[in-house]
Amino acid sequence: MQPTSGISEGKFDYKAGKLIKVRAVFEGDKIKDIKITGDFFLHPEEKIEEIEASLRGKRIKEIEETLRESMGGAEYAGISPEDLTYAITEAWKRRK
């Protein structure tokens, strides 16, 4: 059952090349707040905060394009825009 207030929280742990943990608050199909953690490599380290900021306010269908843009110029291993898209989408599907 989906929440009636329009605000929901979802989480999903996904083992891609490395573990990706997504905790997000959604308003309808938009990301209101998001935290991405895991044992993947991303450099520079502050890039993850930029990625999270770029996702706030985005609709689920905009995630992959937003991630491709925001991850540009970063070095990463054990994670990809597709992996993150999958993990965030699954968190949205499992929201309460």
N, C-alpha and C. Protein backbone atom coordinates (compact mmCIF):
# COMPACT_ATOMS: atom_id res chain seq x y z
N MET A 1 0.85 -1.18 0.00
CA MET A 1 0.00 0.00 0.00
C MET A 1 0.89 1.24 0.00
N GLN A 2 0.58 2.19 -0.85
CA GLN A 2 1.35 3.42 -0.94
C GLN A 2 0.80 4.45 0.05
N PRO A 3 1.65 5.32 0.55
CA PRO A 3 1.23 6.34 1.50
C PRO A 3 0.27 7.32 0.85
N THR A 4 -0.65 7.86 1.64
CA THR A 4 -1.62 8.81 1.10
C THR A 4 -1.13 10.25 1.18
N SER A 5 -0.12 10.53 1.97
CA SER A 5 0.36 11.90 2.12
C SER A 5 1.17 12.38 0.92
N GLY A 6 1.65 11.47 0.09
CA GLY A 6 2.50 11.85 -1.03
C GLY A 6 3.97 11.82 -0.67
N ILE A 7 4.30 11.75 0.61
CA ILE A 7 5.70 11.68 1.05
C ILE A 7 5.96 10.26 1.53
N SER A 8 7.04 9.67 1.04
CA SER A 8 7.36 8.30 1.41
C SER A 8 8.87 8.15 1.51
N GLU A 9 9.28 7.08 2.17
CA GLU A 9 10.70 6.80 2.33
C GLU A 9 10.98 5.43 1.74
N GLY A 10 12.08 5.34 1.02
CA GLY A 10 12.47 4.06 0.44
C GLY A 10 13.93 3.79 0.69
N LYS A 11 14.28 2.52 0.76
CA LYS A 11 15.68 2.16 0.92
C LYS A 11 15.93 0.87 0.15
N PHE A 12 17.16 0.73 -0.30
CA PHE A 12 17.52 -0.46 -1.06
C PHE A 12 19.02 -0.64 -0.98
N ASP A 13 19.46 -1.84 -0.69
CA ASP A 13 20.87 -2.19 -0.70
C ASP A 13 21.10 -3.08 -1.92
N TYR A 14 22.08 -2.72 -2.73
CA TYR A 14 22.31 -3.40 -4.00
C TYR A 14 23.77 -3.76 -4.12
N LYS A 15 24.04 -5.02 -4.42
CA LYS A 15 25.41 -5.47 -4.62
C LYS A 15 25.69 -5.47 -6.11
N ALA A 16 26.32 -4.41 -6.56
CA ALA A 16 26.76 -4.32 -7.95
C ALA A 16 28.21 -4.81 -7.95
N GLY A 17 29.14 -4.05 -8.50
CA GLY A 17 30.55 -4.40 -8.35
C GLY A 17 30.91 -4.29 -6.88
N LYS A 18 30.31 -3.31 -6.22
CA LYS A 18 30.47 -3.08 -4.78
C LYS A 18 29.07 -2.81 -4.20
N LEU A 19 28.99 -2.70 -2.90
CA LEU A 19 27.71 -2.47 -2.24
C LEU A 19 27.29 -1.01 -2.40
N ILE A 20 26.04 -0.80 -2.79
CA ILE A 20 25.44 0.53 -2.90
C ILE A 20 24.24 0.56 -1.97
N LYS A 21 24.19 1.54 -1.08
CA LYS A 21 23.04 1.71 -0.18
C LYS A 21 22.38 3.04 -0.49
N VAL A 22 21.08 2.99 -0.75
CA VAL A 22 20.31 4.20 -1.04
C VAL A 22 19.23 4.35 0.02
N ARG A 23 19.17 5.52 0.61
CA ARG A 23 18.09 5.90 1.53
C ARG A 23 17.53 7.19 0.98
N ALA A 24 16.24 7.21 0.69
CA ALA A 24 15.66 8.38 0.04
C ALA A 24 14.27 8.69 0.56
N VAL A 25 13.92 9.96 0.48
CA VAL A 25 12.58 10.43 0.78
C VAL A 25 12.01 10.91 -0.55
N PHE A 26 10.81 10.44 -0.86
CA PHE A 26 10.17 10.77 -2.13
C PHE A 26 8.89 11.56 -1.87
N GLU A 27 8.58 12.44 -2.79
CA GLU A 27 7.29 13.13 -2.80
C GLU A 27 6.69 12.83 -4.16
N GLY A 28 5.73 11.91 -4.17
CA GLY A 28 5.22 11.41 -5.44
C GLY A 28 6.34 10.67 -6.15
N ASP A 29 6.63 11.08 -7.40
CA ASP A 29 7.72 10.44 -8.13
C ASP A 29 8.98 11.30 -8.15
N LYS A 30 9.07 12.26 -7.23
CA LYS A 30 10.25 13.12 -7.13
C LYS A 30 11.08 12.76 -5.90
N ILE A 31 12.39 12.92 -6.04
CA ILE A 31 13.30 12.70 -4.92
C ILE A 31 13.34 13.97 -4.09
N LYS A 32 12.92 13.87 -2.85
CA LYS A 32 12.95 15.02 -1.95
C LYS A 32 14.30 15.10 -1.24
N ASP A 33 14.81 13.95 -0.80
CA ASP A 33 16.12 13.89 -0.15
C ASP A 33 16.70 12.52 -0.43
N ILE A 34 18.03 12.44 -0.48
CA ILE A 34 18.66 11.15 -0.78
C ILE A 34 20.04 11.08 -0.15
N LYS A 35 20.41 9.89 0.28
CA LYS A 35 21.74 9.62 0.81
C LYS A 35 22.23 8.33 0.16
N ILE A 36 23.40 8.40 -0.46
CA ILE A 36 24.00 7.25 -1.14
C ILE A 36 25.29 6.91 -0.42
N THR A 37 25.40 5.66 0.03
CA THR A 37 26.61 5.20 0.70
C THR A 37 26.97 3.82 0.15
N GLY A 38 28.09 3.30 0.58
CA GLY A 38 28.50 1.96 0.17
C GLY A 38 30.00 1.83 0.19
N ASP A 39 30.49 0.71 -0.34
CA ASP A 39 31.93 0.48 -0.33
C ASP A 39 32.55 0.66 -1.72
N PHE A 40 31.92 1.46 -2.54
CA PHE A 40 32.43 1.77 -3.87
C PHE A 40 33.47 2.89 -3.79
N PHE A 41 34.21 3.08 -4.89
CA PHE A 41 35.23 4.12 -4.98
C PHE A 41 34.71 5.24 -5.86
N LEU A 42 34.79 6.47 -5.37
CA LEU A 42 34.40 7.66 -6.14
C LEU A 42 35.35 8.78 -5.78
N HIS A 43 35.96 9.37 -6.79
CA HIS A 43 36.93 10.44 -6.56
C HIS A 43 36.63 11.61 -7.50
N PRO A 44 36.63 12.82 -7.02
CA PRO A 44 36.91 13.23 -5.65
C PRO A 44 35.77 12.81 -4.70
N GLU A 45 36.12 12.60 -3.43
CA GLU A 45 35.16 12.10 -2.45
C GLU A 45 33.92 12.97 -2.31
N GLU A 46 34.07 14.29 -2.42
CA GLU A 46 32.92 15.17 -2.27
C GLU A 46 31.95 15.09 -3.46
N LYS A 47 32.34 14.34 -4.49
CA LYS A 47 31.47 14.19 -5.67
C LYS A 47 30.14 13.55 -5.29
N ILE A 48 30.14 12.64 -4.32
CA ILE A 48 28.89 11.99 -3.92
C ILE A 48 27.88 13.01 -3.41
N GLU A 49 28.34 14.02 -2.70
CA GLU A 49 27.43 15.07 -2.22
C GLU A 49 26.87 15.87 -3.39
N GLU A 50 27.69 16.12 -4.42
CA GLU A 50 27.22 16.80 -5.62
C GLU A 50 26.18 15.96 -6.36
N ILE A 51 26.42 14.66 -6.42
CA ILE A 51 25.47 13.74 -7.07
C ILE A 51 24.14 13.75 -6.32
N GLU A 52 24.19 13.64 -5.00
CA GLU A 52 22.96 13.67 -4.19
C GLU A 52 22.21 14.98 -4.41
N ALA A 53 22.93 16.09 -4.42
CA ALA A 53 22.29 17.40 -4.63
C ALA A 53 21.65 17.48 -6.01
N SER A 54 22.31 16.90 -7.02
CA SER A 54 21.77 16.94 -8.38
C SER A 54 20.48 16.12 -8.52
N LEU A 55 20.31 15.13 -7.66
CA LEU A 55 19.13 14.27 -7.73
C LEU A 55 17.91 14.85 -7.01
N ARG A 56 18.14 15.73 -6.04
CA ARG A 56 17.02 16.30 -5.29
C ARG A 56 16.12 17.10 -6.23
N GLY A 57 14.82 16.80 -6.16
CA GLY A 57 13.84 17.48 -7.01
C GLY A 57 13.62 16.81 -8.36
N LYS A 58 14.42 15.80 -8.68
CA LYS A 58 14.29 15.11 -9.97
C LYS A 58 13.23 14.02 -9.89
N ARG A 59 12.57 13.80 -11.01
CA ARG A 59 11.60 12.71 -11.14
C ARG A 59 12.35 11.40 -11.38
N ILE A 60 11.72 10.30 -11.02
CA ILE A 60 12.34 8.98 -11.19
C ILE A 60 12.82 8.79 -12.63
N LYS A 61 12.04 9.22 -13.60
CA LYS A 61 12.41 9.01 -15.01
C LYS A 61 13.61 9.86 -15.44
N GLU A 62 14.02 10.82 -14.63
CA GLU A 62 15.15 11.69 -14.96
C GLU A 62 16.46 11.24 -14.31
N ILE A 63 16.42 10.19 -13.53
CA ILE A 63 17.57 9.78 -12.73
C ILE A 63 18.79 9.43 -13.58
N GLU A 64 18.64 8.54 -14.55
CA GLU A 64 19.81 8.07 -15.29
C GLU A 64 20.52 9.22 -16.01
N GLU A 65 19.77 10.08 -16.68
CA GLU A 65 20.38 11.22 -17.37
C GLU A 65 21.09 12.15 -16.38
N THR A 66 20.44 12.40 -15.26
CA THR A 66 21.04 13.26 -14.22
C THR A 66 22.34 12.65 -13.69
N LEU A 67 22.34 11.34 -13.46
CA LEU A 67 23.54 10.68 -12.96
C LEU A 67 24.67 10.71 -13.98
N ARG A 68 24.35 10.50 -15.23
CA ARG A 68 25.39 10.54 -16.27
C ARG A 68 26.06 11.92 -16.30
N GLU A 69 25.24 12.96 -16.18
CA GLU A 69 25.78 14.32 -16.18
C GLU A 69 26.58 14.60 -14.91
N SER A 70 26.03 14.25 -13.75
CA SER A 70 26.67 14.60 -12.49
C SER A 70 27.90 13.74 -12.20
N MET A 71 27.98 12.54 -12.77
CA MET A 71 29.15 11.69 -12.56
C MET A 71 30.26 11.96 -13.57
N GLY A 72 29.98 12.82 -14.54
CA GLY A 72 30.99 13.17 -15.53
C GLY A 72 32.19 13.82 -14.85
N GLY A 73 33.37 13.43 -15.28
CA GLY A 73 34.58 14.00 -14.71
C GLY A 73 35.04 13.33 -13.43
N ALA A 74 34.24 12.42 -12.90
CA ALA A 74 34.63 11.71 -11.67
C ALA A 74 35.28 10.38 -12.04
N GLU A 75 36.11 9.90 -11.16
CA GLU A 75 36.67 8.56 -11.28
C GLU A 75 35.87 7.65 -10.36
N TYR A 76 35.45 6.49 -10.86
CA TYR A 76 34.69 5.59 -10.01
C TYR A 76 34.98 4.14 -10.37
N ALA A 77 34.83 3.27 -9.37
CA ALA A 77 35.01 1.83 -9.53
C ALA A 77 34.00 1.13 -8.64
N GLY A 78 33.44 0.05 -9.15
CA GLY A 78 32.45 -0.70 -8.37
C GLY A 78 31.08 -0.06 -8.38
N ILE A 79 30.89 0.92 -9.25
CA ILE A 79 29.64 1.66 -9.33
C ILE A 79 29.54 2.27 -10.73
N SER A 80 28.34 2.41 -11.23
CA SER A 80 28.13 3.06 -12.53
C SER A 80 26.82 3.84 -12.47
N PRO A 81 26.59 4.74 -13.42
CA PRO A 81 25.30 5.44 -13.45
C PRO A 81 24.12 4.46 -13.53
N GLU A 82 24.31 3.37 -14.27
CA GLU A 82 23.24 2.37 -14.39
C GLU A 82 22.98 1.67 -13.06
N ASP A 83 24.04 1.35 -12.32
CA ASP A 83 23.89 0.72 -11.00
C ASP A 83 23.14 1.64 -10.05
N LEU A 84 23.53 2.90 -10.03
CA LEU A 84 22.86 3.86 -9.15
C LEU A 84 21.41 4.07 -9.56
N THR A 85 21.15 4.14 -10.86
CA THR A 85 19.77 4.28 -11.34
C THR A 85 18.93 3.11 -10.85
N TYR A 86 19.46 1.90 -10.98
CA TYR A 86 18.73 0.71 -10.53
C TYR A 86 18.46 0.78 -9.03
N ALA A 87 19.47 1.09 -8.24
CA ALA A 87 19.31 1.13 -6.79
C ALA A 87 18.30 2.18 -6.35
N ILE A 88 18.33 3.36 -6.97
CA ILE A 88 17.38 4.42 -6.61
C ILE A 88 15.97 4.05 -7.04
N THR A 89 15.84 3.48 -8.22
CA THR A 89 14.52 3.06 -8.71
C THR A 89 13.93 1.97 -7.81
N GLU A 90 14.76 1.04 -7.38
CA GLU A 90 14.28 -0.01 -6.47
C GLU A 90 13.88 0.56 -5.12
N ALA A 91 14.61 1.55 -4.63
CA ALA A 91 14.23 2.22 -3.37
C ALA A 91 12.86 2.86 -3.54
N TRP A 92 12.61 3.48 -4.69
CA TRP A 92 11.32 4.12 -4.97
C TRP A 92 10.22 3.07 -5.02
N LYS A 93 10.47 1.94 -5.66
CA LYS A 93 9.46 0.87 -5.74
C LYS A 93 9.13 0.29 -4.38
N ARG A 94 10.09 0.30 -3.47
CA ARG A 94 9.92 -0.30 -2.14
C ARG A 94 9.54 0.72 -1.07
N ARG A 95 9.18 1.91 -1.48
CA ARG A 95 8.88 2.99 -0.50
C ARG A 95 7.67 2.65 0.35
N LYS A 96 7.68 3.25 1.54
CA LYS A 96 6.57 3.04 2.50
C LYS A 96 6.02 4.36 2.92
